[in-house]
Protein backbone atom coordinates (compact mmCIF):
# COMPACT_ATOMS: atom_id res chain seq x y z
CA LYS A 1 -17.17 -26.25 -3.02
CA ALA A 2 -20.02 -28.32 -1.99
CA LEU A 3 -18.63 -29.85 0.35
CA TYR A 4 -17.70 -26.99 2.03
CA ALA A 5 -21.49 -25.33 1.68
CA GLU A 6 -22.40 -28.31 3.24
CA PHE A 7 -20.11 -27.97 5.93
CA PHE A 8 -21.30 -24.43 6.46
CA ALA A 9 -25.18 -25.62 6.48
CA ARG A 10 -24.85 -28.09 8.47
CA GLN A 11 -22.04 -27.29 11.29
CA ILE A 12 -21.22 -23.88 11.01
CA GLU A 13 -24.93 -21.32 10.59
CA GLY A 14 -27.09 -21.08 13.52
CA ARG A 15 -24.18 -23.09 15.88
CA ARG A 16 -21.47 -19.88 15.70
CA LYS A 17 -21.95 -16.66 17.14
CA GLU A 18 -20.28 -14.98 14.29
CA PRO A 19 -20.81 -17.26 10.76
CA GLY A 20 -19.38 -14.71 8.45
CA GLN A 21 -16.29 -15.07 10.07
CA VAL A 22 -15.96 -18.54 9.35
CA ALA A 23 -17.21 -18.08 5.36
CA GLY A 24 -14.30 -14.98 5.45
CA VAL A 25 -11.76 -17.45 6.25
CA PHE A 26 -12.77 -19.74 4.18
CA THR A 27 -13.64 -17.50 0.56
CA LEU A 28 -10.24 -15.49 1.84
CA HIS A 29 -7.80 -18.14 2.47
CA VAL A 30 -9.42 -21.82 1.54
CA LEU A 31 -11.68 -21.67 -1.09
CA PRO A 32 -9.04 -20.20 -3.68
CA ILE A 33 -6.43 -22.51 -3.41
CA ILE A 34 -8.44 -26.27 -2.71
CA GLY A 35 -12.32 -25.48 -3.73
CA ASP A 36 -12.13 -26.37 -7.66
CA LYS A 37 -10.50 -30.03 -6.54
CA LEU A 38 -12.74 -33.49 -5.60
CA VAL A 39 -12.28 -34.01 -1.79
CA SER A 40 -11.12 -37.35 -2.60
CA GLU A 41 -8.11 -35.66 -3.90
CA VAL A 42 -7.01 -33.33 -1.77
CA ARG A 43 -3.06 -33.75 -0.51
CA PRO A 44 -1.21 -32.48 2.33
CA ALA A 45 0.33 -30.47 -0.23
CA ASP A 46 -2.67 -28.92 -1.57
CA ILE A 47 -2.69 -28.04 2.68
CA ASP A 48 0.42 -26.69 2.81
CA ARG A 49 0.11 -24.28 -0.18
CA LEU A 50 -2.71 -22.98 1.70
CA LEU A 51 -0.88 -22.46 4.91
CA LEU A 52 2.67 -21.57 3.54
CA PRO A 53 1.91 -18.01 2.51
CA LEU A 54 0.18 -17.39 5.45
CA ALA A 55 2.70 -18.17 7.86
CA GLU A 56 5.83 -16.43 5.67
CA ARG A 57 3.63 -12.91 5.80
CA GLY A 58 3.27 -13.47 9.61
CA VAL A 59 -0.47 -13.52 10.21
CA ILE A 60 0.32 -16.35 12.61
CA GLN A 61 -3.67 -15.90 14.06
CA THR A 62 -4.94 -16.13 10.34
CA ALA A 63 -2.95 -19.65 9.73
CA LYS A 64 -4.26 -20.95 13.00
CA LYS A 65 -7.49 -19.96 11.50
CA ALA A 66 -6.97 -21.60 8.72
CA LEU A 67 -5.82 -24.73 10.02
CA GLN A 68 -8.64 -25.17 12.29
CA LEU A 69 -11.14 -24.68 10.07
CA THR A 70 -9.53 -26.79 7.49
CA LYS A 71 -9.42 -29.84 10.18
CA ALA A 72 -12.82 -29.61 9.91
CA LEU A 73 -13.75 -29.50 7.47
CA PHE A 74 -11.99 -32.84 6.86
CA ASP A 75 -13.66 -34.23 9.43
CA TYR A 76 -16.95 -33.88 8.46
CA ALA A 77 -16.28 -35.40 5.02
CA MET A 78 -14.72 -38.50 7.00
CA LYS A 79 -18.49 -38.16 8.87
CA ARG A 80 -20.16 -38.27 5.75
CA HIS A 81 -17.99 -41.20 4.46
CA LEU A 82 -16.26 -39.66 1.82
CA ILE A 83 -12.99 -39.31 2.47
CA THR A 84 -11.23 -42.15 5.16
CA ALA A 85 -8.01 -40.40 5.89
CA ASN A 86 -7.82 -36.10 7.12
CA PRO A 87 -5.40 -34.09 4.60
CA ALA A 88 -5.01 -32.03 7.36
CA ALA A 89 -4.15 -34.02 10.18
CA PRO A 90 -0.21 -33.93 9.80
CA PHE A 91 -0.20 -30.13 10.33
CA ASN A 92 -0.13 -28.37 13.69
CA TRP A 93 0.90 -24.93 15.01
CA ALA A 94 4.20 -25.21 14.43
CA ASP A 95 3.96 -25.68 10.48
CA ILE A 96 2.83 -22.27 10.85
CA GLY A 97 5.06 -20.07 12.60
CA GLY A 98 5.30 -22.06 15.93
CA LYS A 99 3.38 -22.12 19.40
CA VAL A 100 0.84 -19.23 19.09
CA GLY A 101 1.16 -17.77 22.37
CA PRO A 102 0.81 -14.39 23.43
CA ARG A 103 1.93 -11.30 21.34
CA SER A 104 4.16 -8.49 21.89
CA ARG A 105 4.03 -6.52 18.32
CA VAL A 106 3.63 -2.62 19.38
CA LEU A 107 3.44 0.05 16.65
CA SER A 108 6.05 2.18 17.92
CA ARG A 109 4.91 6.62 17.19
CA ALA A 110 7.35 6.29 14.05
CA GLU A 111 6.38 2.86 12.60
CA MET A 112 2.14 4.66 13.01
CA VAL A 113 3.64 7.78 10.81
CA ALA A 114 4.58 5.59 8.37
CA PHE A 115 1.92 3.00 8.72
CA PHE A 116 -0.75 6.05 8.23
CA LYS A 117 2.12 7.80 4.89
CA ALA A 118 1.54 3.81 3.68
CA MET A 119 -2.19 3.57 3.85
CA ARG A 120 -1.96 7.08 2.52
CA GLU A 121 0.59 6.22 -0.44
CA THR A 122 -0.33 2.95 -1.61
CA PRO A 123 -2.24 2.55 -4.89
CA ASN A 124 -6.11 1.44 -4.35
CA PHE A 125 -6.24 1.30 -0.52
CA PRO A 126 -9.12 0.43 -0.01
CA PRO A 127 -10.25 3.87 2.74
CA TYR A 128 -13.04 1.90 4.49
CA ALA A 129 -10.62 0.03 5.35
CA ALA A 130 -8.04 3.23 6.35
CA ALA A 131 -11.03 4.32 8.49
CA ALA A 132 -11.62 0.35 10.09
CA LEU A 133 -7.89 0.27 11.30
CA LYS A 134 -7.63 3.86 12.21
CA LEU A 135 -10.69 4.06 14.34
CA LEU A 136 -9.48 0.87 15.97
CA LEU A 137 -6.56 2.39 17.12
CA ALA A 138 -8.02 5.88 18.10
CA LEU A 139 -11.05 3.72 20.25
CA ALA A 140 -9.63 -0.04 21.36
CA VAL A 141 -12.20 -1.76 20.70
CA ARG A 142 -12.21 -5.24 19.44
CA LYS A 143 -12.30 -6.06 15.96
CA MET A 144 -15.83 -7.61 15.20
CA GLU A 145 -17.26 -4.70 17.79
CA LEU A 146 -16.21 -2.19 15.61
CA LEU A 147 -17.37 -3.98 11.90
CA THR A 148 -20.53 -4.96 12.88
CA ALA A 149 -21.45 -1.47 14.75
CA THR A 150 -25.34 -0.09 13.40
CA TRP A 151 -25.43 3.75 12.62
CA ASP A 152 -27.87 4.01 15.36
CA GLN A 153 -25.99 2.89 17.93
CA PHE A 154 -23.68 6.22 17.87
CA ASP A 155 -24.92 9.79 18.15
CA LEU A 156 -22.06 12.28 16.80
CA LYS A 157 -23.53 15.03 17.64
CA ALA A 158 -22.65 14.15 21.46
CA GLY A 159 -19.69 12.38 20.41
CA GLU A 160 -20.63 8.91 21.31
CA TRP A 161 -20.94 5.63 20.49
CA HIS A 162 -23.51 3.34 22.62
CA LEU A 163 -22.60 -0.38 21.99
CA PRO A 164 -24.92 -2.50 23.68
CA ALA A 165 -24.49 -5.45 25.70
CA GLU A 166 -25.32 -8.52 22.64
CA ARG A 167 -22.26 -6.75 20.75
CA THR A 168 -19.44 -7.27 23.30
CA LYS A 169 -17.26 -10.06 24.33
CA THR A 170 -18.42 -9.60 28.09
CA GLU A 171 -21.38 -8.68 27.22
CA ALA A 172 -21.84 -5.72 29.35
CA ALA A 173 -22.92 -2.33 27.02
CA ILE A 174 -20.62 0.37 27.15
CA ARG A 175 -20.77 4.07 25.97
CA ILE A 176 -17.35 4.58 24.24
CA PRO A 177 -16.55 8.22 23.90
CA LEU A 178 -15.85 9.77 20.30
CA SER A 179 -13.32 12.64 19.33
CA PRO A 180 -13.35 15.30 17.27
CA TRP A 181 -10.92 13.03 15.07
CA ALA A 182 -12.74 9.69 15.36
CA VAL A 183 -16.03 11.43 14.92
CA ALA A 184 -14.46 12.88 11.30
CA ILE A 185 -13.84 9.34 9.91
CA LEU A 186 -17.05 8.17 10.67
CA GLN A 187 -18.66 10.90 8.93
CA GLU A 188 -16.59 10.20 6.14
CA GLN A 189 -17.35 6.77 6.61
CA ARG A 190 -21.00 7.28 6.86
CA ALA A 191 -20.75 9.07 3.32
CA ARG A 192 -19.60 5.84 1.64
CA GLY A 193 -22.72 3.87 3.66
CA TYR A 194 -25.45 1.97 1.91
CA ASN A 195 -27.38 0.61 4.67
CA GLY A 196 -27.34 0.34 8.56
CA PHE A 197 -24.10 -1.28 9.21
CA VAL A 198 -20.91 1.34 9.51
CA PHE A 199 -18.82 -0.51 7.58
CA PRO A 200 -21.36 -2.42 5.06
CA ALA A 201 -19.85 -5.92 2.86
CA LEU A 202 -18.44 -4.46 0.09
CA ARG A 203 -19.27 -8.53 -1.06
CA PHE A 204 -20.89 -11.30 -0.68
CA SER A 205 -19.48 -14.96 -0.98
CA PRO A 206 -21.35 -18.30 -0.09
CA GLY A 207 -22.09 -18.71 3.43
CA LYS A 208 -22.50 -14.79 3.94
CA THR A 209 -25.75 -13.55 5.10
CA THR A 210 -24.79 -10.60 7.16
CA GLY A 211 -24.41 -6.57 5.42
CA TYR A 212 -21.43 -6.15 7.27
CA MET A 213 -18.10 -6.36 5.79
CA GLY A 214 -15.96 -9.76 6.73
CA GLU A 215 -13.92 -10.78 9.09
CA THR A 216 -10.63 -10.71 7.07
CA SER A 217 -10.95 -7.65 4.87
CA LEU A 218 -8.79 -5.82 7.11
CA ASN A 219 -6.16 -8.97 6.89
CA HIS A 220 -6.22 -8.35 3.43
CA ALA A 221 -6.12 -4.72 3.73
CA LEU A 222 -2.71 -4.98 5.57
CA TYR A 223 -1.62 -7.93 3.33
CA ILE A 224 -1.46 -5.37 -0.18
CA LEU A 225 -0.47 -2.47 2.06
CA GLN A 226 3.21 -1.14 0.71
CA SER A 227 5.73 -1.27 3.40
CA SER A 228 8.59 -1.57 4.89
CA LEU A 229 7.17 -2.20 8.19
CA PRO A 230 7.79 -5.39 9.78
CA ALA A 231 4.44 -7.48 9.69
CA PHE A 232 1.97 -6.91 12.62
CA THR A 233 -1.97 -8.05 12.73
CA VAL A 234 -5.03 -6.28 12.97
CA HIS A 235 -5.13 -7.46 16.82
CA ASP A 236 -1.82 -6.10 17.20
CA LEU A 237 -3.40 -2.24 16.78
CA ARG A 238 -5.80 -3.28 20.11
CA ARG A 239 -2.64 -3.36 22.07
CA THR A 240 -0.41 -0.79 20.46
CA ALA A 241 -3.36 1.50 21.62
CA ARG A 242 -3.44 0.23 24.95
CA THR A 243 0.32 0.76 24.88
CA HIS A 244 0.31 4.45 23.93
CA LEU A 245 -1.91 5.17 26.06
CA ALA A 246 0.03 4.34 28.99
CA ALA A 247 2.96 6.19 27.41
CA LEU A 248 0.32 9.53 27.68
CA GLY A 249 0.01 8.99 31.35
CA VAL A 250 -3.30 7.17 31.06
CA ALA A 251 -3.66 5.53 34.83
CA PRO A 252 -3.60 1.90 34.55
CA TYR A 253 -7.74 1.05 35.52
CA VAL A 254 -9.14 3.57 33.44
CA ALA A 255 -6.59 2.12 29.99
CA GLU A 256 -8.43 -1.00 30.94
CA MET A 257 -11.83 0.58 31.20
CA CYS A 258 -10.85 1.56 27.53
CA LEU A 259 -10.67 -1.45 26.26
CA ASN A 260 -13.75 -2.95 28.31
CA HIS A 261 -11.41 -5.54 30.20
CA LYS A 262 -13.83 -6.98 32.78
CA PRO A 263 -13.07 -5.78 36.65
CA GLN A 264 -12.08 -8.63 38.16
CA GLY A 265 -12.67 -9.84 41.85
CA ILE A 266 -14.45 -7.53 44.81
CA GLU A 267 -13.80 -4.66 42.36
CA ALA A 268 -16.39 -5.72 39.52
CA VAL A 269 -18.25 -6.59 42.61
CA TYR A 270 -19.05 -3.19 44.02
CA ASN A 271 -17.03 -0.48 41.64
CA VAL A 272 -19.94 -0.07 38.83
CA HIS A 273 -18.83 3.60 37.47
CA ASP A 274 -17.82 3.76 34.54
CA TYR A 275 -15.34 6.17 34.63
CA PHE A 276 -16.67 8.28 31.26
CA GLU A 277 -15.28 11.68 31.32
CA GLU A 278 -11.38 9.94 32.43
CA ARG A 279 -12.44 7.81 29.40
CA ARG A 280 -12.83 10.99 27.39
CA ALA A 281 -9.98 12.46 28.71
CA ALA A 282 -7.94 9.38 27.15
CA LEU A 283 -9.34 8.64 24.23
CA PHE A 284 -8.79 11.95 23.04
CA ALA A 285 -4.89 11.99 23.93
CA LEU A 286 -4.74 8.98 21.73
CA SER A 287 -6.55 10.47 19.27
CA ASP A 288 -4.31 13.56 19.60
CA LEU A 289 -1.10 11.71 18.93
CA LEU A 290 -2.81 9.98 16.01
CA ALA A 291 -3.81 12.60 14.76
CA GLU A 292 -0.07 14.01 14.57
CA CYS A 293 1.02 11.07 13.26
CA GLU A 294 -1.11 10.76 10.50
CA LYS A 295 0.08 14.41 9.87
CA GLY A 296 3.59 13.53 10.09
CA ASP A 297 4.85 14.56 13.63
CA ALA A 298 4.37 12.27 16.54
CA GLU A 299 6.75 14.14 19.24
CA LYS A 300 4.11 17.06 19.36
CA VAL A 301 1.33 15.23 22.11
CA ILE A 302 1.74 16.08 25.65
CA PRO A 303 1.22 13.59 28.11
CA ILE A 304 -1.99 13.80 30.59
CA ARG A 305 -0.12 14.01 33.02
CA GLN A 306 1.41 17.53 32.26
CA ARG A 307 -1.60 19.23 30.55
CA GLY A 308 -1.97 21.69 33.45
CA GLY A 309 -2.60 18.46 35.85
CA GLN A 310 -5.39 17.58 34.83
CA LYS A 311 -5.53 13.82 35.42
CA ALA A 312 -7.43 10.80 33.85
C-alpha cells in the first residue's frame, strides 16, 4: 500500500487525464490481494491470485488494466531499488483470457429484458448503478463521459445534455438529446445526489481526489448482478446501443453521430451539421425499445423506417 501511494503520487497524479480510473483498479482489484504484503515478498503466484478471478469472470479489459498497472507498479519498485525482479513480468494477455482484440458481445432484446429484470431483483443492487447502466444504453455515450458529467451540463426541461469538448474523447462538444425515459432516470438520480456530479462518489479511497463515481464501480455492479446471462462488460452496452439503433432503421451516419464518432476524411472538413433532430428521433426510438424491455416486452417497438415515413 505504501508503494502504491508513492507510485500514484509520482507517476499517476498530474500525469494522467483520469487518475481516478487508476486508483479504482488498484482499490478494487489489486490492493485487496497484495496490499498488506511486503514489496519484496510478492511472488508471481500472488499476481495470479489477483488476475485469475477477473479472467474467470470474463472481464478481460479490467484484467488487462490490472495487469498493466501492476507491472508498472513493480517496474517503479525496481527503479527505486526495492526489488530486483518484477513478479508480474511473466504474465501476458494469454494469462487473462487470450488476446485482447475487438469485442462482439451485444445484448439481444431478450437479454436486455433479462438484464433489467436482474437489476430489479438482485438484492441490494445499487440504484445509482442501475441508473448509469440504463443511461449508457439509452445515450450510447462513453462511460467516463457519463460518470464525470455535472448537473450544469443538463437542461432537463429542454431535454438536452451539453457535453463540453474537454470531456469527450473526440475533443468536440456535442448536444445530446434526452428522451422522456432518460430524463426520468436523471430526475431520480438528482434526488440521490449531494454534489455537482450526476454520479457522485459514494466513498473515497487512497489516491481518489475526484467527487465523481470511480471507473470500476459499474464493473463491480455487474459482478454482483444475479443473472444467468453470459458475461458482458460495461463497454458492451455502447456496442449494444449501436447495434439496436441499426436494427431500428437508423441511418449509419446518424447512428455514428449518436456515438459521437468523429467523421473521417473530406466529410469531417466540409460537413459540420450536427444532425440533432435526426439523433433525437434515433435516441427516442432506442429509449422506446429500452422502456419496453424494462416492462418485459421488447416486441412492441416499431422501427423508425415504419413510423409513418419518419426518417433518421
